[in-house]
Amino acid sequence: MSSLLDERVVVPLEPTAAPVVDVVVPVHNEAHVLARSVERLHDYLTRRFPLTWRITIADNASTDGTWPVAERLAERLRGVRALHLDRKGRGLALRTAWLASDARVLAYMDVDLSTDLDALLPLVAPLVSGHSDLAIGSRLAPGARVVRGTKRELISRTYNLILRTALRTRFRDAQCGFKAVRREVALALLPVVEDDGWFFDTELLVAAQRSGLRIHEVPVDWVDDPDSRVDVWRTAVDDLKGVWRVARHRRVAGDGVARPPLPDGLGHQAVRFAAVGVLCTVLHLGGYVLLRDWLGPWWANATALTATTVLNVVANRRITFGRRGPHLRRRQLGESLAVYVAGLAVTSAALAAVRAVGDPSPAVDVVVLFGAGTFATVLRFVLLRGWVYHPRRDLAAVAP
């Protein structure tokens, strides 16, 4: 990406230690409002915000006087820095600013400051405390107070209805320009987010939800900016294209850069786990029948189950939970093999129980093992999803 961008940075006056919150303001051709908005934000943070902070102006390919204004603000106001990119895209500006930040919480807000700034502390507080992973301002949550035109209201509600229908999202307002994320969460999620435009934060939220992360919604007071430069219809079309792409689960971005797929939700993981489980169950039972008379029921079960477990562990890591490459592989494979012990204990107990009441035939053993194996499979899925591949453990491993 660095070859495509000419990044110029103006650092704050008297650089200090890493702040708790970095508020990024992405801008494109906003010279007419930038100084007034940043000065207002700076004054609010100085007088009323209790956490340490930084303001980052992220200028993405402005063609008016936005960058000179941003430079002057960074030179004049303590705690303000400016970042310039030669490629356009709000998502690109946020991605670049967030990856360059050392703050614990990465936030952003639109330059028009349509959202009441008093919502900033309720937005970031659950992230600072560790209660939540992402936080979003919501104009559609109970308690929100919104002033905007009928057209924008209709488009917003329709778009979020499409998200709930097509992508099964549970958050109410994907488009509000008022969001925050813990830094380690951003580092983990940004590689799977392909969009660099207006769909960026929707895709980020979908990835977070599918990963099982906690998204906190804050009802906001919001007043529509009548001078907004956003092309509503063009943005709507681009967003719909993004929804279609995410629904299809494409793995390569439009620029040809290979990226990991968005993580799957519970439903997709369960289907894939079941498919792997059916294959492994057939191999397990078939191996047991072939080895029973030769090794006896106990060793036949242990041998057949061990052989199919190797296939099961590798397939579930790659297919069910989408983990590829060496990152955390040793830990995940080791813990998955430990989960195998639970399956062996369940099936062995079932064989012991049926022998306590008589001398079963091979057919009875197969039926008993099938039932015990089904229970063990459900138990294994719960342990794998809730322990081995739990997203919070992955995030803790990449935390700075």
Protein backbone atom coordinates (compact mmCIF):
# COMPACT_ATOMS: atom_id res chain seq x y z
CA MET A 1 0.00 0.00 0.00
CA SER A 2 2.86 2.37 0.71
CA SER A 3 3.78 2.44 -2.98
CA LEU A 4 0.34 3.76 -3.86
CA LEU A 5 0.22 6.50 -1.25
CA ASP A 6 2.19 9.64 -0.59
CA GLU A 7 1.78 9.99 3.16
CA ARG A 8 2.73 13.29 4.75
CA VAL A 9 2.42 13.74 8.49
CA VAL A 10 2.47 16.82 10.66
CA VAL A 11 3.08 15.74 14.26
CA PRO A 12 1.50 17.45 17.28
CA LEU A 13 3.17 20.15 19.31
CA GLU A 14 5.18 18.72 22.20
CA PRO A 15 4.59 14.98 21.52
CA THR A 16 3.53 13.11 24.63
CA ALA A 17 3.03 9.49 25.65
CA ALA A 18 0.46 7.39 23.79
CA PRO A 19 -3.05 8.76 24.48
CA VAL A 20 -5.99 6.67 25.58
CA VAL A 21 -8.15 7.84 22.66
CA ASP A 22 -7.18 8.86 19.13
CA VAL A 23 -10.07 10.66 17.39
CA VAL A 24 -9.60 10.47 13.62
CA VAL A 25 -11.41 13.01 11.44
CA PRO A 26 -11.34 11.81 7.80
CA VAL A 27 -11.72 14.68 5.32
CA HIS A 28 -11.94 15.20 1.58
CA ASN A 29 -12.35 18.74 0.22
CA GLU A 30 -13.54 20.14 3.54
CA ALA A 31 -11.44 23.32 3.70
CA HIS A 32 -14.56 25.43 4.30
CA VAL A 33 -15.44 23.70 7.58
CA LEU A 34 -12.30 21.91 8.78
CA ALA A 35 -10.81 24.65 10.98
CA ARG A 36 -14.09 25.47 12.69
CA SER A 37 -14.90 21.82 13.40
CA VAL A 38 -11.43 20.85 14.67
CA GLU A 39 -11.23 23.92 16.89
CA ARG A 40 -14.62 23.07 18.36
CA LEU A 41 -13.61 19.44 18.92
CA HIS A 42 -10.26 20.50 20.40
CA ASP A 43 -11.96 22.90 22.80
CA TYR A 44 -14.42 20.22 23.92
CA LEU A 45 -11.73 17.60 24.52
CA THR A 46 -9.55 20.11 26.40
CA ARG A 47 -12.28 21.33 28.73
CA ARG A 48 -14.62 18.38 29.19
CA PHE A 49 -13.05 15.05 28.19
CA PRO A 50 -11.48 13.19 31.15
CA LEU A 51 -9.17 10.84 29.18
CA THR A 52 -5.93 11.63 27.37
CA TRP A 53 -6.55 12.18 23.68
CA ARG A 54 -5.22 13.04 20.25
CA ILE A 55 -6.97 14.41 17.16
CA THR A 56 -5.77 13.05 13.81
CA ILE A 57 -6.92 14.83 10.65
CA ALA A 58 -6.77 12.27 7.82
CA ASP A 59 -6.90 14.11 4.50
CA ASN A 60 -7.56 11.71 1.65
CA ALA A 61 -6.65 13.27 -1.70
CA SER A 62 -8.32 16.65 -1.22
CA THR A 63 -8.02 18.99 -4.22
CA ASP A 64 -8.96 22.22 -2.45
CA GLY A 65 -7.17 23.89 0.46
CA THR A 66 -7.91 21.17 3.01
CA TRP A 67 -4.32 20.00 3.49
CA PRO A 68 -2.84 23.48 4.15
CA VAL A 69 -5.62 24.08 6.71
CA ALA A 70 -4.84 20.73 8.34
CA GLU A 71 -1.13 21.58 8.49
CA ARG A 72 -1.80 24.90 10.19
CA LEU A 73 -4.11 23.27 12.73
CA ALA A 74 -1.49 20.64 13.62
CA GLU A 75 1.17 23.35 14.00
CA ARG A 76 -1.05 25.59 16.14
CA LEU A 77 -3.11 23.27 18.34
CA ARG A 78 -1.56 20.97 20.92
CA GLY A 79 -2.65 17.34 20.51
CA VAL A 80 -3.55 17.64 16.82
CA ARG A 81 -1.71 15.87 14.02
CA ALA A 82 -2.38 15.80 10.29
CA LEU A 83 -1.99 12.93 7.84
CA HIS A 84 -2.21 13.29 4.05
CA LEU A 85 -2.91 10.50 1.54
CA ASP A 86 -2.81 10.86 -2.22
CA ARG A 87 -5.57 8.32 -2.74
CA LYS A 88 -9.21 9.00 -2.04
CA GLY A 89 -11.33 6.90 0.30
CA ARG A 90 -12.76 7.41 3.76
CA GLY A 91 -12.06 3.79 4.68
CA LEU A 92 -8.51 4.11 3.40
CA ALA A 93 -8.01 7.22 5.54
CA LEU A 94 -9.31 5.44 8.64
CA ARG A 95 -7.29 2.29 7.96
CA THR A 96 -4.07 4.27 7.52
CA ALA A 97 -4.61 6.49 10.56
CA TRP A 98 -5.60 3.60 12.80
CA LEU A 99 -2.65 1.44 11.79
CA ALA A 100 -0.31 4.36 12.50
CA SER A 101 -1.81 5.10 15.92
CA ASP A 102 -0.48 4.01 19.31
CA ALA A 103 -3.66 4.87 21.24
CA ARG A 104 -5.58 2.23 23.21
CA VAL A 105 -8.90 3.23 21.61
CA LEU A 106 -9.25 4.30 17.98
CA ALA A 107 -12.27 6.46 17.24
CA TYR A 108 -13.54 8.53 14.35
CA MET A 109 -16.20 11.12 13.67
CA ASP A 110 -17.38 13.00 10.63
CA VAL A 111 -15.96 16.47 10.15
CA ASP A 112 -19.40 18.12 10.24
CA LEU A 113 -19.72 17.04 13.92
CA SER A 114 -23.38 16.16 13.39
CA THR A 115 -23.22 13.93 16.47
CA ASP A 116 -23.40 15.64 19.87
CA LEU A 117 -19.90 15.44 21.38
CA ASP A 118 -21.30 14.53 24.79
CA ALA A 119 -21.75 11.01 23.38
CA LEU A 120 -17.98 10.54 22.98
CA LEU A 121 -17.27 9.42 26.54
CA PRO A 122 -20.19 6.91 26.61
CA LEU A 123 -18.84 5.65 23.26
CA VAL A 124 -15.28 4.94 24.38
CA ALA A 125 -15.79 4.10 28.08
CA PRO A 126 -16.88 0.45 27.49
CA LEU A 127 -13.78 -0.04 25.31
CA VAL A 128 -11.40 1.43 27.87
CA SER A 129 -12.87 -0.78 30.60
CA GLY A 130 -12.68 -3.88 28.38
CA HIS A 131 -16.45 -4.45 28.52
CA SER A 132 -16.85 -4.17 24.73
CA ASP A 133 -14.69 -4.51 21.62
CA LEU A 134 -16.31 -1.95 19.33
CA ALA A 135 -18.75 0.89 19.93
CA ILE A 136 -21.00 2.70 17.50
CA GLY A 137 -23.21 5.73 17.67
CA SER A 138 -26.76 4.83 16.69
CA ARG A 139 -29.44 7.13 15.35
CA LEU A 140 -31.92 4.25 15.31
CA ALA A 141 -31.52 3.05 18.91
CA PRO A 142 -34.14 3.89 21.54
CA GLY A 143 -33.29 7.22 23.13
CA ALA A 144 -31.63 8.73 20.06
CA ARG A 145 -32.76 12.18 18.94
CA VAL A 146 -32.33 12.82 15.23
CA VAL A 147 -33.02 15.80 13.01
CA ARG A 148 -32.74 14.99 9.29
CA GLY A 149 -34.71 14.98 6.07
CA THR A 150 -37.18 12.33 5.00
CA LYS A 151 -34.97 11.12 2.13
CA ARG A 152 -31.96 10.41 4.32
CA GLU A 153 -34.14 8.81 7.00
CA LEU A 154 -35.72 6.47 4.44
CA ILE A 155 -32.38 5.54 2.86
CA SER A 156 -30.79 4.84 6.26
CA ARG A 157 -33.59 2.62 7.49
CA THR A 158 -33.81 0.77 4.18
CA TYR A 159 -30.06 0.14 4.13
CA ASN A 160 -29.99 -1.24 7.67
CA LEU A 161 -33.02 -3.44 6.86
CA ILE A 162 -31.06 -4.83 3.89
CA LEU A 163 -28.12 -5.57 6.19
CA ARG A 164 -30.33 -7.41 8.66
CA THR A 165 -31.91 -9.42 5.85
CA ALA A 166 -28.86 -10.21 3.71
CA LEU A 167 -26.09 -10.37 6.32
CA ARG A 168 -28.14 -11.03 9.48
CA THR A 169 -26.63 -8.09 11.30
CA ARG A 170 -27.79 -7.32 14.85
CA PHE A 171 -26.54 -3.75 15.17
CA ARG A 172 -29.07 -1.04 14.33
CA ASP A 173 -27.11 1.73 12.56
CA ALA A 174 -24.13 0.85 10.39
CA GLN A 175 -23.63 4.25 8.78
CA CYS A 176 -23.42 6.72 11.66
CA GLY A 177 -20.06 8.51 11.40
CA PHE A 178 -19.29 8.07 15.08
CA LYS A 179 -17.49 4.84 16.01
CA ALA A 180 -14.64 3.49 18.13
CA VAL A 181 -12.68 0.25 18.41
CA ARG A 182 -10.02 -1.13 20.74
CA ARG A 183 -6.62 -1.03 19.05
CA GLU A 184 -5.93 -4.77 19.27
CA VAL A 185 -9.36 -5.48 17.81
CA ALA A 186 -8.66 -3.14 14.89
CA LEU A 187 -5.32 -4.84 14.22
CA ALA A 188 -7.07 -8.21 14.09
CA LEU A 189 -10.03 -7.13 11.93
CA LEU A 190 -8.50 -4.70 9.44
CA PRO A 191 -6.79 -7.44 7.35
CA VAL A 192 -10.21 -8.95 6.49
CA VAL A 193 -11.85 -5.63 5.54
CA GLU A 194 -11.51 -5.03 1.80
CA ASP A 195 -13.44 -1.82 1.26
CA ASP A 196 -11.61 1.51 1.39
CA GLY A 197 -14.65 3.69 0.80
CA TRP A 198 -17.94 4.30 2.60
CA PHE A 199 -18.67 0.59 3.11
CA PHE A 200 -15.53 0.23 5.25
CA ASP A 201 -17.15 0.53 8.66
CA THR A 202 -20.11 -1.68 7.74
CA GLU A 203 -17.71 -4.43 6.68
CA LEU A 204 -15.72 -3.92 9.89
CA LEU A 205 -18.88 -4.35 11.99
CA VAL A 206 -19.94 -7.47 10.06
CA ALA A 207 -16.50 -9.00 10.62
CA ALA A 208 -16.72 -8.17 14.33
CA GLN A 209 -20.19 -9.68 14.69
CA ARG A 210 -19.22 -12.86 12.86
CA SER A 211 -16.18 -13.17 15.11
CA GLY A 212 -18.39 -13.09 18.18
CA LEU A 213 -17.05 -9.74 19.41
CA ARG A 214 -19.12 -7.43 21.56
CA ILE A 215 -20.51 -4.32 19.85
CA HIS A 216 -21.79 -1.55 22.09
CA GLU A 217 -24.43 0.85 20.70
CA VAL A 218 -24.83 4.38 22.04
CA PRO A 219 -28.00 6.34 21.19
CA VAL A 220 -26.90 9.76 19.96
CA ASP A 221 -28.29 13.22 19.37
CA TRP A 222 -27.68 13.88 15.69
CA VAL A 223 -28.47 16.84 13.45
CA ASP A 224 -28.16 16.46 9.68
CA ASP A 225 -25.64 18.75 7.98
CA PRO A 226 -27.45 20.54 5.13
CA ASP A 227 -24.07 21.29 3.47
CA SER A 228 -22.93 17.65 3.38
CA ARG A 229 -20.78 16.82 0.35
CA VAL A 230 -21.70 13.11 0.39
CA ASP A 231 -23.25 11.80 -2.84
CA VAL A 232 -26.09 9.87 -1.19
CA TRP A 233 -27.15 7.82 -4.21
CA ARG A 234 -23.61 6.94 -5.31
CA THR A 235 -22.77 5.92 -1.75
CA ALA A 236 -25.93 3.80 -1.57
CA VAL A 237 -25.00 1.96 -4.78
CA ASP A 238 -21.45 1.33 -3.55
CA ASP A 239 -22.81 0.05 -0.24
CA LEU A 240 -25.13 -2.39 -2.00
CA LYS A 241 -22.19 -3.68 -4.01
CA GLY A 242 -20.34 -4.18 -0.75
CA VAL A 243 -23.26 -6.09 0.75
CA TRP A 244 -23.32 -8.39 -2.28
CA ARG A 245 -19.57 -8.98 -2.09
CA VAL A 246 -19.61 -9.76 1.63
CA ALA A 247 -22.59 -12.07 1.18
CA ARG A 248 -20.60 -13.97 -1.45
CA HIS A 249 -17.60 -14.10 0.87
CA ARG A 250 -15.01 -13.05 -1.69
CA ARG A 251 -11.42 -13.48 -0.58
CA VAL A 252 -9.52 -11.23 -3.02
CA ALA A 253 -9.94 -7.46 -3.03
CA GLY A 254 -10.52 -5.41 -6.14
CA ASP A 255 -6.87 -4.31 -6.14
CA GLY A 256 -5.78 -7.95 -6.45
CA VAL A 257 -4.43 -8.17 -2.90
CA ALA A 258 -5.22 -11.51 -1.28
CA ARG A 259 -6.85 -11.07 2.11
CA PRO A 260 -8.38 -13.49 4.62
CA PRO A 261 -12.14 -14.02 4.29
CA LEU A 262 -14.53 -12.51 6.79
CA PRO A 263 -15.06 -14.93 9.65
CA ASP A 264 -18.24 -16.95 9.54
CA GLY A 265 -21.09 -16.81 12.00
CA LEU A 266 -22.43 -19.67 14.10
CA GLY A 267 -24.73 -21.03 11.36
CA HIS A 268 -22.04 -21.39 8.70
CA GLN A 269 -19.56 -22.83 11.17
CA ALA A 270 -22.08 -25.39 12.39
CA VAL A 271 -22.85 -26.54 8.83
CA ARG A 272 -19.18 -26.93 7.95
CA PHE A 273 -18.40 -28.65 11.24
CA ALA A 274 -21.28 -31.07 10.65
CA ALA A 275 -19.99 -31.91 7.16
CA VAL A 276 -16.53 -32.66 8.54
CA GLY A 277 -18.12 -34.58 11.42
CA VAL A 278 -20.19 -36.83 9.15
CA LEU A 279 -17.13 -37.84 7.14
CA CYS A 280 -15.05 -38.50 10.25
CA THR A 281 -17.89 -40.46 11.91
CA VAL A 282 -18.21 -42.76 8.89
CA LEU A 283 -14.44 -43.36 8.91
CA HIS A 284 -14.44 -43.92 12.67
CA LEU A 285 -17.24 -46.48 12.62
CA GLY A 286 -15.84 -48.23 9.56
CA GLY A 287 -12.40 -48.45 11.16
CA TYR A 288 -13.93 -49.78 14.38
CA VAL A 289 -15.78 -52.57 12.58
CA LEU A 290 -12.59 -53.60 10.73
CA LEU A 291 -10.40 -53.56 13.86
CA ARG A 292 -12.86 -54.85 16.51
CA ASP A 293 -12.18 -58.57 16.14
CA TRP A 294 -8.44 -58.03 15.79
CA LEU A 295 -7.74 -55.48 18.56
CA GLY A 296 -10.82 -55.78 20.74
CA PRO A 297 -13.43 -53.05 21.27
CA TRP A 298 -11.32 -50.70 23.43
CA TRP A 299 -8.23 -50.54 21.26
CA ALA A 300 -10.28 -50.62 18.06
CA ASN A 301 -12.24 -47.56 19.20
CA ALA A 302 -9.11 -45.72 20.35
CA THR A 303 -7.20 -46.48 17.13
CA ALA A 304 -10.01 -45.59 14.75
CA LEU A 305 -10.92 -42.45 16.70
CA THR A 306 -7.28 -41.29 16.86
CA ALA A 307 -6.82 -41.73 13.12
CA THR A 308 -9.95 -39.78 12.25
CA THR A 309 -9.19 -37.12 14.87
CA VAL A 310 -6.07 -36.02 12.99
CA LEU A 311 -8.21 -35.42 9.89
CA ASN A 312 -10.92 -33.79 11.99
CA VAL A 313 -8.54 -31.36 13.73
CA VAL A 314 -6.83 -30.20 10.53
CA ALA A 315 -10.08 -29.92 8.56
CA ASN A 316 -11.95 -28.00 11.25
CA ARG A 317 -9.11 -25.52 11.72
CA ARG A 318 -9.02 -24.74 8.03
CA ILE A 319 -12.60 -25.27 6.86
CA THR A 320 -14.86 -24.66 9.87
CA PHE A 321 -13.00 -21.84 11.61
CA GLY A 322 -11.06 -20.41 8.66
CA ARG A 323 -7.64 -20.44 10.34
CA ARG A 324 -4.76 -20.75 7.88
CA GLY A 325 -1.04 -20.31 8.11
CA PRO A 326 1.30 -20.70 11.07
CA HIS A 327 -0.26 -18.02 13.31
CA LEU A 328 -1.30 -19.75 16.57
CA ARG A 329 -1.27 -23.10 14.75
CA ARG A 330 0.71 -24.97 17.40
CA ARG A 331 -1.56 -23.83 20.21
CA GLN A 332 -4.79 -24.46 18.30
CA LEU A 333 -3.80 -27.92 17.08
CA GLY A 334 -2.56 -28.89 20.54
CA GLU A 335 -5.76 -27.78 22.24
CA SER A 336 -7.86 -29.47 19.55
CA LEU A 337 -6.10 -32.75 20.27
CA ALA A 338 -6.84 -32.22 23.95
CA VAL A 339 -10.51 -31.90 23.05
CA TYR A 340 -10.15 -35.32 21.38
CA VAL A 341 -9.64 -36.83 24.83
CA ALA A 342 -13.19 -35.81 25.73
CA GLY A 343 -14.50 -37.69 22.69
CA LEU A 344 -12.46 -40.76 23.57
CA ALA A 345 -13.77 -40.67 27.14
CA VAL A 346 -17.40 -40.42 26.00
CA THR A 347 -17.17 -43.27 23.48
CA SER A 348 -15.20 -45.50 25.86
CA ALA A 349 -17.77 -44.90 28.59
CA ALA A 350 -20.54 -45.86 26.16
CA LEU A 351 -18.77 -49.13 25.29
CA ALA A 352 -18.32 -49.88 28.99
CA ALA A 353 -21.98 -49.14 29.76
CA VAL A 354 -23.32 -51.48 27.08
CA ARG A 355 -21.00 -54.26 28.28
CA ALA A 356 -22.27 -53.86 31.80
CA VAL A 357 -25.61 -55.35 30.70
CA GLY A 358 -24.41 -58.07 28.35
CA ASP A 359 -22.13 -59.11 25.49
CA PRO A 360 -23.12 -56.84 22.58
CA SER A 361 -22.87 -57.73 18.92
CA PRO A 362 -20.81 -55.59 16.50
CA ALA A 363 -24.04 -54.00 15.25
CA VAL A 364 -25.01 -52.91 18.78
CA ASP A 365 -21.51 -51.49 19.30
CA VAL A 366 -21.83 -49.44 16.11
CA VAL A 367 -25.20 -48.03 17.19
CA VAL A 368 -23.88 -47.19 20.66
CA LEU A 369 -20.74 -45.57 19.24
CA PHE A 370 -22.82 -43.56 16.78
CA GLY A 371 -24.94 -42.15 19.59
CA ALA A 372 -21.97 -41.45 21.84
CA GLY A 373 -20.02 -40.02 18.92
CA THR A 374 -22.86 -37.64 18.08
CA PHE A 375 -22.88 -36.35 21.65
CA ALA A 376 -19.07 -36.07 21.61
CA THR A 377 -19.25 -34.15 18.33
CA VAL A 378 -21.60 -31.55 19.80
CA LEU A 379 -19.36 -31.28 22.86
CA ARG A 380 -16.31 -30.89 20.63
CA PHE A 381 -17.94 -28.09 18.63
CA VAL A 382 -18.80 -26.21 21.81
CA LEU A 383 -15.24 -26.55 23.12
CA LEU A 384 -13.62 -25.61 19.83
CA ARG A 385 -15.79 -22.56 19.24
CA GLY A 386 -15.91 -21.38 22.84
CA TRP A 387 -12.31 -22.14 23.80
CA VAL A 388 -9.81 -23.14 21.12
CA TYR A 389 -10.96 -20.69 18.42
CA HIS A 390 -12.61 -18.06 20.59
CA PRO A 391 -11.94 -14.66 18.96
CA ARG A 392 -10.98 -12.97 22.21
CA ARG A 393 -8.06 -15.41 22.61
CA ASP A 394 -6.88 -14.60 19.09
CA LEU A 395 -7.13 -10.89 19.84
CA ALA A 396 -5.18 -11.29 23.07
CA ALA A 397 -2.43 -13.03 21.11
CA VAL A 398 -2.00 -10.08 18.71
CA ALA A 399 -2.43 -7.37 21.33
CA PRO A 400 0.56 -5.02 21.45
